[in-house]
Amino acid sequence: MINEIEYKGKLWGVVFFHGDPRLEEIDFSNLLRTTIDFHHSRSKEASVKGRNYEGKLATDRKIHLLGSYCGRKYDTKLKGDFGMMDISFLLMEPIRADLN
């Protein structure tokens, strides 16, 4: 299932390899916004911090496939009030229809 998040006027797609239900929706949204900002950098790793977590965000900067979805894969290792969490997902960039 694809999730969508609107950020800076664009609609981004997110598909999970592995999620964690203990991460609250507001914290997850903030993690995705941080990931989108990080997506445009040339870095492979960044520190992330939210209301109830902190940890590392990493990517190999390669495009991965999950079924019919493709995008850059991100892995997070988060420490929260409720223990450790590993979350992996694809972030799919918005497509401009006027370019097709």
PDB file of N, CA and C in Angstrom:
ATOM      1  N   MET A   1       0.834  -1.176   0.000  1.00  0.00           N
ATOM      2  CA  MET A   1       0.000   0.000   0.000  1.00  0.00           C
ATOM      3  C   MET A   1       0.884   1.246   0.000  1.00  0.00           C
ATOM      4  N   ILE A   2       0.514   2.208  -0.784  1.00  0.00           N
ATOM      5  CA  ILE A   2       1.280   3.445  -0.869  1.00  0.00           C
ATOM      6  C   ILE A   2       0.659   4.498   0.059  1.00  0.00           C
ATOM      7  N   ASN A   3       1.512   5.174   0.788  1.00  0.00           N
ATOM      8  CA  ASN A   3       1.091   6.319   1.591  1.00  0.00           C
ATOM      9  C   ASN A   3       1.577   7.564   0.875  1.00  0.00           C
ATOM     10  N   GLU A   4       0.903   8.652   1.097  1.00  0.00           N
ATOM     11  CA  GLU A   4       1.305   9.910   0.468  1.00  0.00           C
ATOM     12  C   GLU A   4       1.470  10.984   1.529  1.00  0.00           C
ATOM     13  N   ILE A   5       2.404  11.887   1.276  1.00  0.00           N
ATOM     14  CA  ILE A   5       2.600  13.025   2.152  1.00  0.00           C
ATOM     15  C   ILE A   5       2.841  14.251   1.279  1.00  0.00           C
ATOM     16  N   GLU A   6       2.130  15.317   1.589  1.00  0.00           N
ATOM     17  CA  GLU A   6       2.348  16.572   0.868  1.00  0.00           C
ATOM     18  C   GLU A   6       3.355  17.388   1.656  1.00  0.00           C
ATOM     19  N   TYR A   7       4.381  17.854   0.965  1.00  0.00           N
ATOM     20  CA  TYR A   7       5.436  18.631   1.610  1.00  0.00           C
ATOM     21  C   TYR A   7       6.010  19.611   0.606  1.00  0.00           C
ATOM     22  N   LYS A   8       6.048  20.861   0.998  1.00  0.00           N
ATOM     23  CA  LYS A   8       6.559  21.942   0.149  1.00  0.00           C
ATOM     24  C   LYS A   8       5.854  21.973  -1.207  1.00  0.00           C
ATOM     25  N   GLY A   9       4.541  21.727  -1.179  1.00  0.00           N
ATOM     26  CA  GLY A   9       3.725  21.833  -2.380  1.00  0.00           C
ATOM     27  C   GLY A   9       3.785  20.643  -3.319  1.00  0.00           C
ATOM     28  N   LYS A  10       4.441  19.563  -2.909  1.00  0.00           N
ATOM     29  CA  LYS A  10       4.533  18.373  -3.758  1.00  0.00           C
ATOM     30  C   LYS A  10       4.005  17.169  -3.001  1.00  0.00           C
ATOM     31  N   LEU A  11       3.464  16.208  -3.750  1.00  0.00           N
ATOM     32  CA  LEU A  11       2.929  14.992  -3.166  1.00  0.00           C
ATOM     33  C   LEU A  11       3.947  13.868  -3.357  1.00  0.00           C
ATOM     34  N   TRP A  12       4.472  13.339  -2.249  1.00  0.00           N
ATOM     35  CA  TRP A  12       5.477  12.279  -2.259  1.00  0.00           C
ATOM     36  C   TRP A  12       4.821  10.955  -1.906  1.00  0.00           C
ATOM     37  N   GLY A  13       5.318   9.870  -2.471  1.00  0.00           N
ATOM     38  CA  GLY A  13       4.814   8.537  -2.152  1.00  0.00           C
ATOM     39  C   GLY A  13       5.781   7.806  -1.233  1.00  0.00           C
ATOM     40  N   VAL A  14       5.222   6.989  -0.350  1.00  0.00           N
ATOM     41  CA  VAL A  14       6.020   6.205   0.582  1.00  0.00           C
ATOM     42  C   VAL A  14       5.467   4.788   0.615  1.00  0.00           C
ATOM     43  N   VAL A  15       6.350   3.791   0.450  1.00  0.00           N
ATOM     44  CA  VAL A  15       5.979   2.384   0.562  1.00  0.00           C
ATOM     45  C   VAL A  15       6.935   1.747   1.564  1.00  0.00           C
ATOM     46  N   PHE A  16       6.387   0.963   2.479  1.00  0.00           N
ATOM     47  CA  PHE A  16       7.195   0.383   3.551  1.00  0.00           C
ATOM     48  C   PHE A  16       7.719  -0.995   3.227  1.00  0.00           C
ATOM     49  N   PHE A  17       8.985  -1.213   3.532  1.00  0.00           N
ATOM     50  CA  PHE A  17       9.536  -2.560   3.609  1.00  0.00           C
ATOM     51  C   PHE A  17       9.229  -3.094   5.012  1.00  0.00           C
ATOM     52  N   HIS A  18       9.442  -2.227   6.010  1.00  0.00           N
ATOM     53  CA  HIS A  18       9.256  -2.609   7.409  1.00  0.00           C
ATOM     54  C   HIS A  18       8.912  -1.353   8.206  1.00  0.00           C
ATOM     55  N   GLY A  19       7.799  -1.379   8.915  1.00  0.00           N
ATOM     56  CA  GLY A  19       7.381  -0.245   9.724  1.00  0.00           C
ATOM     57  C   GLY A  19       7.321  -0.613  11.196  1.00  0.00           C
ATOM     58  N   ASP A  20       6.833   0.299  12.015  1.00  0.00           N
ATOM     59  CA  ASP A  20       6.680   0.038  13.448  1.00  0.00           C
ATOM     60  C   ASP A  20       5.481   0.841  13.946  1.00  0.00           C
ATOM     61  N   PRO A  21       4.445   0.160  14.439  1.00  0.00           N
ATOM     62  CA  PRO A  21       3.223   0.856  14.849  1.00  0.00           C
ATOM     63  C   PRO A  21       3.395   1.715  16.105  1.00  0.00           C
ATOM     64  N   ARG A  22       4.519   1.576  16.807  1.00  0.00           N
ATOM     65  CA  ARG A  22       4.720   2.367  18.023  1.00  0.00           C
ATOM     66  C   ARG A  22       5.070   3.819  17.723  1.00  0.00           C
ATOM     67  N   LEU A  23       5.484   4.103  16.481  1.00  0.00           N
ATOM     68  CA  LEU A  23       5.811   5.476  16.104  1.00  0.00           C
ATOM     69  C   LEU A  23       4.511   6.225  15.829  1.00  0.00           C
ATOM     70  N   GLU A  24       4.262   7.280  16.590  1.00  0.00           N
ATOM     71  CA  GLU A  24       3.025   8.042  16.438  1.00  0.00           C
ATOM     72  C   GLU A  24       2.971   8.736  15.079  1.00  0.00           C
ATOM     73  N   GLU A  25       1.763   8.987  14.604  1.00  0.00           N
ATOM     74  CA  GLU A  25       1.566   9.573  13.276  1.00  0.00           C
ATOM     75  C   GLU A  25       2.307  10.899  13.115  1.00  0.00           C
ATOM     76  N   ILE A  26       2.263  11.753  14.128  1.00  0.00           N
ATOM     77  CA  ILE A  26       2.941  13.054  14.026  1.00  0.00           C
ATOM     78  C   ILE A  26       4.453  12.874  13.938  1.00  0.00           C
ATOM     79  N   ASP A  27       4.994  11.915  14.691  1.00  0.00           N
ATOM     80  CA  ASP A  27       6.426  11.643  14.622  1.00  0.00           C
ATOM     81  C   ASP A  27       6.803  11.053  13.270  1.00  0.00           C
ATOM     82  N   PHE A  28       5.941  10.180  12.744  1.00  0.00           N
ATOM     83  CA  PHE A  28       6.213   9.603  11.437  1.00  0.00           C
ATOM     84  C   PHE A  28       6.194  10.673  10.348  1.00  0.00           C
ATOM     85  N   SER A  29       5.226  11.578  10.406  1.00  0.00           N
ATOM     86  CA  SER A  29       5.161  12.669   9.420  1.00  0.00           C
ATOM     87  C   SER A  29       6.417  13.532   9.486  1.00  0.00           C
ATOM     88  N   ASN A  30       6.874  13.831  10.694  1.00  0.00           N
ATOM     89  CA  ASN A  30       8.097  14.617  10.839  1.00  0.00           C
ATOM     90  C   ASN A  30       9.311  13.865  10.302  1.00  0.00           C
ATOM     91  N   LEU A  31       9.361  12.544  10.528  1.00  0.00           N
ATOM     92  CA  LEU A  31      10.452  11.731   9.987  1.00  0.00           C
ATOM     93  C   LEU A  31      10.448  11.785   8.463  1.00  0.00           C
ATOM     94  N   LEU A  32       9.277  11.701   7.844  1.00  0.00           N
ATOM     95  CA  LEU A  32       9.195  11.755   6.381  1.00  0.00           C
ATOM     96  C   LEU A  32       9.611  13.124   5.847  1.00  0.00           C
ATOM     97  N   ARG A  33       9.221  14.189   6.513  1.00  0.00           N
ATOM     98  CA  ARG A  33       9.638  15.536   6.077  1.00  0.00           C
ATOM     99  C   ARG A  33      11.162  15.681   6.170  1.00  0.00           C
ATOM    100  N   THR A  34      11.745  15.164   7.241  1.00  0.00           N
ATOM    101  CA  THR A  34      13.204  15.180   7.376  1.00  0.00           C
ATOM    102  C   THR A  34      13.848  14.361   6.266  1.00  0.00           C
ATOM    103  N   THR A  35      13.240  13.213   5.940  1.00  0.00           N
ATOM    104  CA  THR A  35      13.764  12.360   4.870  1.00  0.00           C
ATOM    105  C   THR A  35      13.707  13.075   3.526  1.00  0.00           C
ATOM    106  N   ILE A  36      12.629  13.783   3.252  1.00  0.00           N
ATOM    107  CA  ILE A  36      12.514  14.512   1.981  1.00  0.00           C
ATOM    108  C   ILE A  36      13.591  15.584   1.883  1.00  0.00           C
ATOM    109  N   ASP A  37      13.825  16.324   2.960  1.00  0.00           N
ATOM    110  CA  ASP A  37      14.907  17.315   2.956  1.00  0.00           C
ATOM    111  C   ASP A  37      16.259  16.636   2.741  1.00  0.00           C
ATOM    112  N   PHE A  38      16.470  15.510   3.398  1.00  0.00           N
ATOM    113  CA  PHE A  38      17.713  14.741   3.285  1.00  0.00           C
ATOM    114  C   PHE A  38      17.876  14.167   1.877  1.00  0.00           C
ATOM    115  N   HIS A  39      16.769  13.828   1.231  1.00  0.00           N
ATOM    116  CA  HIS A  39      16.754  13.217  -0.106  1.00  0.00           C
ATOM    117  C   HIS A  39      17.523  14.059  -1.123  1.00  0.00           C
ATOM    118  N   HIS A  40      17.499  15.363  -0.965  1.00  0.00           N
ATOM    119  CA  HIS A  40      18.148  16.255  -1.925  1.00  0.00           C
ATOM    120  C   HIS A  40      19.624  16.504  -1.612  1.00  0.00           C
ATOM    121  N   SER A  41      20.097  15.976  -0.502  1.00  0.00           N
ATOM    122  CA  SER A  41      21.518  16.140  -0.165  1.00  0.00           C
ATOM    123  C   SER A  41      22.327  15.008  -0.795  1.00  0.00           C
ATOM    124  N   ARG A  42      23.608  15.114  -0.744  1.00  0.00           N
ATOM    125  CA  ARG A  42      24.469  14.051  -1.264  1.00  0.00           C
ATOM    126  C   ARG A  42      24.928  13.107  -0.150  1.00  0.00           C
ATOM    127  N   SER A  43      24.448  13.331   1.047  1.00  0.00           N
ATOM    128  CA  SER A  43      24.844  12.528   2.199  1.00  0.00           C
ATOM    129  C   SER A  43      24.210  11.146   2.158  1.00  0.00           C
ATOM    130  N   LYS A  44      24.846  10.208   2.842  1.00  0.00           N
ATOM    131  CA  LYS A  44      24.300   8.857   2.963  1.00  0.00           C
ATOM    132  C   LYS A  44      23.751   8.581   4.353  1.00  0.00           C
ATOM    133  N   GLU A  45      23.999   9.504   5.301  1.00  0.00           N
ATOM    134  CA  GLU A  45      23.526   9.299   6.660  1.00  0.00           C
ATOM    135  C   GLU A  45      23.259  10.643   7.329  1.00  0.00           C
ATOM    136  N   ALA A  46      22.250  10.662   8.184  1.00  0.00           N
ATOM    137  CA  ALA A  46      21.911  11.882   8.924  1.00  0.00           C
ATOM    138  C   ALA A  46      21.321  11.500  10.274  1.00  0.00           C
ATOM    139  N   SER A  47      21.470  12.387  11.227  1.00  0.00           N
ATOM    140  CA  SER A  47      20.817  12.220  12.525  1.00  0.00           C
ATOM    141  C   SER A  47      19.395  12.754  12.417  1.00  0.00           C
ATOM    142  N   VAL A  48      18.469  12.082  13.080  1.00  0.00           N
ATOM    143  CA  VAL A  48      17.078  12.522  13.105  1.00  0.00           C
ATOM    144  C   VAL A  48      16.604  12.572  14.552  1.00  0.00           C
ATOM    145  N   LYS A  49      15.689  13.506  14.814  1.00  0.00           N
ATOM    146  CA  LYS A  49      15.157  13.630  16.168  1.00  0.00           C
ATOM    147  C   LYS A  49      13.735  14.148  16.091  1.00  0.00           C
ATOM    148  N   GLY A  50      12.854  13.507  16.842  1.00  0.00           N
ATOM    149  CA  GLY A  50      11.460  13.921  16.917  1.00  0.00           C
ATOM    150  C   GLY A  50      11.033  14.078  18.361  1.00  0.00           C
ATOM    151  N   ARG A  51       9.737  14.196  18.568  1.00  0.00           N
ATOM    152  CA  ARG A  51       9.220  14.368  19.930  1.00  0.00           C
ATOM    153  C   ARG A  51       9.547  13.176  20.809  1.00  0.00           C
ATOM    154  N   ASN A  52       9.410  11.967  20.259  1.00  0.00           N
ATOM    155  CA  ASN A  52       9.550  10.741  21.051  1.00  0.00           C
ATOM    156  C   ASN A  52      10.617   9.786  20.518  1.00  0.00           C
ATOM    157  N   TYR A  53      11.543  10.278  19.710  1.00  0.00           N
ATOM    158  CA  TYR A  53      12.577   9.399  19.170  1.00  0.00           C
ATOM    159  C   TYR A  53      13.802  10.207  18.773  1.00  0.00           C
ATOM    160  N   GLU A  54      14.918   9.494  18.609  1.00  0.00           N
ATOM    161  CA  GLU A  54      16.108  10.043  17.962  1.00  0.00           C
ATOM    162  C   GLU A  54      16.871   8.866  17.394  1.00  0.00           C
ATOM    163  N   GLY A  55      17.682   9.137  16.371  1.00  0.00           N
ATOM    164  CA  GLY A  55      18.421   8.047  15.756  1.00  0.00           C
ATOM    165  C   GLY A  55      19.093   8.455  14.468  1.00  0.00           C
ATOM    166  N   LYS A  56      19.284   7.471  13.592  1.00  0.00           N
ATOM    167  CA  LYS A  56      19.988   7.655  12.329  1.00  0.00           C
ATOM    168  C   LYS A  56      19.092   7.304  11.152  1.00  0.00           C
ATOM    169  N   LEU A  57      19.258   8.058  10.082  1.00  0.00           N
ATOM    170  CA  LEU A  57      18.589   7.836   8.803  1.00  0.00           C
ATOM    171  C   LEU A  57      19.692   7.569   7.788  1.00  0.00           C
ATOM    172  N   ALA A  58      19.571   6.492   7.024  1.00  0.00           N
ATOM    173  CA  ALA A  58      20.628   6.143   6.081  1.00  0.00           C
ATOM    174  C   ALA A  58      20.042   5.699   4.747  1.00  0.00           C
ATOM    175  N   THR A  59      20.839   5.883   3.686  1.00  0.00           N
ATOM    176  CA  THR A  59      20.467   5.422   2.348  1.00  0.00           C
ATOM    177  C   THR A  59      21.730   5.041   1.594  1.00  0.00           C
ATOM    178  N   ASP A  60      21.583   4.124   0.643  1.00  0.00           N
ATOM    179  CA  ASP A  60      22.711   3.814  -0.243  1.00  0.00           C
ATOM    180  C   ASP A  60      22.635   4.637  -1.527  1.00  0.00           C
ATOM    181  N   ARG A  61      21.617   5.508  -1.619  1.00  0.00           N
ATOM    182  CA  ARG A  61      21.383   6.428  -2.735  1.00  0.00           C
ATOM    183  C   ARG A  61      21.068   5.695  -4.045  1.00  0.00           C
ATOM    184  N   LYS A  62      20.715   4.416  -3.974  1.00  0.00           N
ATOM    185  CA  LYS A  62      20.324   3.648  -5.152  1.00  0.00           C
ATOM    186  C   LYS A  62      18.808   3.567  -5.225  1.00  0.00           C
ATOM    187  N   ILE A  63      18.308   3.306  -6.429  1.00  0.00           N
ATOM    188  CA  ILE A  63      16.875   3.120  -6.630  1.00  0.00           C
ATOM    189  C   ILE A  63      16.557   1.643  -6.412  1.00  0.00           C
ATOM    190  N   HIS A  64      15.536   1.371  -5.615  1.00  0.00           N
ATOM    191  CA  HIS A  64      15.117   0.002  -5.306  1.00  0.00           C
ATOM    192  C   HIS A  64      13.699  -0.215  -5.803  1.00  0.00           C
ATOM    193  N   LEU A  65      13.362  -1.488  -6.032  1.00  0.00           N
ATOM    194  CA  LEU A  65      12.015  -1.862  -6.469  1.00  0.00           C
ATOM    195  C   LEU A  65      11.329  -2.663  -5.389  1.00  0.00           C
ATOM    196  N   LEU A  66      10.050  -2.400  -5.190  1.00  0.00           N
ATOM    197  CA  LEU A  66       9.196  -3.199  -4.323  1.00  0.00           C
ATOM    198  C   LEU A  66       7.898  -3.389  -5.091  1.00  0.00           C
ATOM    199  N   GLY A  67       7.747  -4.547  -5.706  1.00  0.00           N
ATOM    200  CA  GLY A  67       6.595  -4.770  -6.578  1.00  0.00           C
ATOM    201  C   GLY A  67       6.655  -3.807  -7.746  1.00  0.00           C
ATOM    202  N   SER A  68       5.619  -2.995  -7.932  1.00  0.00           N
ATOM    203  CA  SER A  68       5.591  -2.027  -9.030  1.00  0.00           C
ATOM    204  C   SER A  68       6.043  -0.636  -8.586  1.00  0.00           C
ATOM    205  N   TYR A  69       6.535  -0.509  -7.355  1.00  0.00           N
ATOM    206  CA  TYR A  69       6.988   0.782  -6.834  1.00  0.00           C
ATOM    207  C   TYR A  69       8.507   0.873  -6.878  1.00  0.00           C
ATOM    208  N   CYS A  70       9.003   2.062  -7.183  1.00  0.00           N
ATOM    209  CA  CYS A  70      10.448   2.251  -7.157  1.00  0.00           C
ATOM    210  C   CYS A  70      10.762   3.616  -6.562  1.00  0.00           C
ATOM    211  N   GLY A  71      11.901   3.672  -5.909  1.00  0.00           N
ATOM    212  CA  GLY A  71      12.345   4.909  -5.290  1.00  0.00           C
ATOM    213  C   GLY A  71      13.604   4.651  -4.488  1.00  0.00           C
ATOM    214  N   ARG A  72      14.101   5.689  -3.879  1.00  0.00           N
ATOM    215  CA  ARG A  72      15.287   5.543  -3.039  1.00  0.00           C
ATOM    216  C   ARG A  72      14.862   4.921  -1.714  1.00  0.00           C
ATOM    217  N   LYS A  73      15.622   3.930  -1.258  1.00  0.00           N
ATOM    218  CA  LYS A  73      15.319   3.234  -0.008  1.00  0.00           C
ATOM    219  C   LYS A  73      16.012   3.942   1.153  1.00  0.00           C
ATOM    220  N   TYR A  74      15.287   4.082   2.254  1.00  0.00           N
ATOM    221  CA  TYR A  74      15.808   4.682   3.482  1.00  0.00           C
ATOM    222  C   TYR A  74      15.624   3.712   4.633  1.00  0.00           C
ATOM    223  N   ASP A  75      16.642   3.623   5.459  1.00  0.00           N
ATOM    224  CA  ASP A  75      16.602   2.792   6.653  1.00  0.00           C
ATOM    225  C   ASP A  75      16.810   3.690   7.862  1.00  0.00           C
ATOM    226  N   THR A  76      16.026   3.457   8.902  1.00  0.00           N
ATOM    227  CA  THR A  76      16.176   4.226  10.133  1.00  0.00           C
ATOM    228  C   THR A  76      16.376   3.275  11.298  1.00  0.00           C
ATOM    229  N   LYS A  77      17.190   3.697  12.207  1.00  0.00           N
ATOM    230  CA  LYS A  77      17.349   3.031  13.495  1.00  0.00           C
ATOM    231  C   LYS A  77      17.033   4.093  14.532  1.00  0.00           C
ATOM    232  N   LEU A  78      15.899   3.926  15.199  1.00  0.00           N
ATOM    233  CA  LEU A  78      15.413   4.936  16.126  1.00  0.00           C
ATOM    234  C   LEU A  78      15.350   4.389  17.545  1.00  0.00           C
ATOM    235  N   LYS A  79      15.696   5.234  18.486  1.00  0.00           N
ATOM    236  CA  LYS A  79      15.522   4.910  19.896  1.00  0.00           C
ATOM    237  C   LYS A  79      14.441   5.832  20.420  1.00  0.00           C
ATOM    238  N   GLY A  80      13.382   5.224  20.960  1.00  0.00           N
ATOM    239  CA  GLY A  80      12.262   6.015  21.452  1.00  0.00           C
ATOM    240  C   GLY A  80      11.960   5.721  22.900  1.00  0.00           C
ATOM    241  N   ASP A  81      10.934   6.376  23.416  1.00  0.00           N
ATOM    242  CA  ASP A  81      10.486   6.140  24.787  1.00  0.00           C
ATOM    243  C   ASP A  81      10.073   4.690  24.988  1.00  0.00           C
ATOM    244  N   PHE A  82       9.825   3.978  23.907  1.00  0.00           N
ATOM    245  CA  PHE A  82       9.279   2.619  23.940  1.00  0.00           C
ATOM    246  C   PHE A  82      10.263   1.589  23.410  1.00  0.00           C
ATOM    247  N   GLY A  83      11.545   1.939  23.295  1.00  0.00           N
ATOM    248  CA  GLY A  83      12.564   0.992  22.848  1.00  0.00           C
ATOM    249  C   GLY A  83      13.111   1.314  21.463  1.00  0.00           C
ATOM    250  N   MET A  84      13.814   0.349  20.889  1.00  0.00           N
ATOM    251  CA  MET A  84      14.437   0.508  19.570  1.00  0.00           C
ATOM    252  C   MET A  84      13.446   0.164  18.459  1.00  0.00           C
ATOM    253  N   MET A  85      13.579   0.886  17.335  1.00  0.00           N
ATOM    254  CA  MET A  85      12.742   0.633  16.165  1.00  0.00           C
ATOM    255  C   MET A  85      13.615   0.666  14.912  1.00  0.00           C
ATOM    256  N   ASP A  86      13.379  -0.263  14.016  1.00  0.00           N
ATOM    257  CA  ASP A  86      13.986  -0.258  12.684  1.00  0.00           C
ATOM    258  C   ASP A  86      12.858  -0.069  11.690  1.00  0.00           C
ATOM    259  N   ILE A  87      12.961   0.974  10.860  1.00  0.00           N
ATOM    260  CA  ILE A  87      11.932   1.263   9.866  1.00  0.00           C
ATOM    261  C   ILE A  87      12.626   1.439   8.523  1.00  0.00           C
ATOM    262  N   SER A  88      12.129   0.754   7.494  1.00  0.00           N
ATOM    263  CA  SER A  88      12.675   0.863   6.137  1.00  0.00           C
ATOM    264  C   SER A  88      11.546   1.188   5.181  1.00  0.00           C
ATOM    265  N   PHE A  89      11.833   2.095   4.231  1.00  0.00           N
ATOM    266  CA  PHE A  89      10.788   2.494   3.288  1.00  0.00           C
ATOM    267  C   PHE A  89      11.391   3.042   2.011  1.00  0.00           C
ATOM    268  N   LEU A  90      10.573   3.045   0.965  1.00  0.00           N
ATOM    269  CA  LEU A  90      10.913   3.694  -0.298  1.00  0.00           C
ATOM    270  C   LEU A  90      10.284   5.072  -0.300  1.00  0.00           C
ATOM    271  N   LEU A  91      11.039   6.050  -0.757  1.00  0.00           N
ATOM    272  CA  LEU A  91      10.501   7.390  -0.951  1.00  0.00           C
ATOM    273  C   LEU A  91      10.466   7.645  -2.453  1.00  0.00           C
ATOM    274  N   MET A  92       9.271   7.908  -2.961  1.00  0.00           N
ATOM    275  CA  MET A  92       9.093   8.114  -4.399  1.00  0.00           C
ATOM    276  C   MET A  92       8.881   9.588  -4.678  1.00  0.00           C
ATOM    277  N   GLU A  93       9.711  10.139  -5.540  1.00  0.00           N
ATOM    278  CA  GLU A  93       9.622  11.553  -5.894  1.00  0.00           C
ATOM    279  C   GLU A  93       8.366  11.840  -6.701  1.00  0.00           C
ATOM    280  N   PRO A  94       7.837  13.049  -6.562  1.00  0.00           N
ATOM    281  CA  PRO A  94       6.685  13.433  -7.388  1.00  0.00           C
ATOM    282  C   PRO A  94       7.076  13.432  -8.873  1.00  0.00           C
ATOM    283  N   ILE A  95       6.130  13.044  -9.686  1.00  0.00           N
ATOM    284  CA  ILE A  95       6.354  13.034 -11.143  1.00  0.00           C
ATOM    285  C   ILE A  95       5.589  14.205 -11.749  1.00  0.00           C
ATOM    286  N   ARG A  96       6.243  14.928 -12.609  1.00  0.00           N
ATOM    287  CA  ARG A  96       5.572  16.038 -13.305  1.00  0.00           C
ATOM    288  C   ARG A  96       4.913  15.505 -14.568  1.00  0.00           C
ATOM    289  N   ALA A  97       3.616  15.517 -14.581  1.00  0.00           N
ATOM    290  CA  ALA A  97       2.859  14.979 -15.723  1.00  0.00           C
ATOM    291  C   ALA A  97       3.141  15.751 -17.003  1.00  0.00           C
ATOM    292  N   ASP A  98       3.477  17.034 -16.887  1.00  0.00           N
ATOM    293  CA  ASP A  98       3.714  17.842 -18.090  1.00  0.00           C
ATOM    294  C   ASP A  98       5.005  17.455 -18.799  1.00  0.00           C
ATOM    295  N   LEU A  99       5.844  16.633 -18.181  1.00  0.00           N
ATOM    296  CA  LEU A  99       7.082  16.206 -18.823  1.00  0.00           C
ATOM    297  C   LEU A  99       6.894  14.946 -19.660  1.00  0.00           C
ATOM    298  N   ASN A 100       5.762  14.261 -19.485  1.00  0.00           N
ATOM    299  CA  ASN A 100       5.508  13.013 -20.229  1.00  0.00           C
ATOM    300  C   ASN A 100       4.848  13.300 -21.557  1.00  0.00           C
TER     301      ASN A 100
END
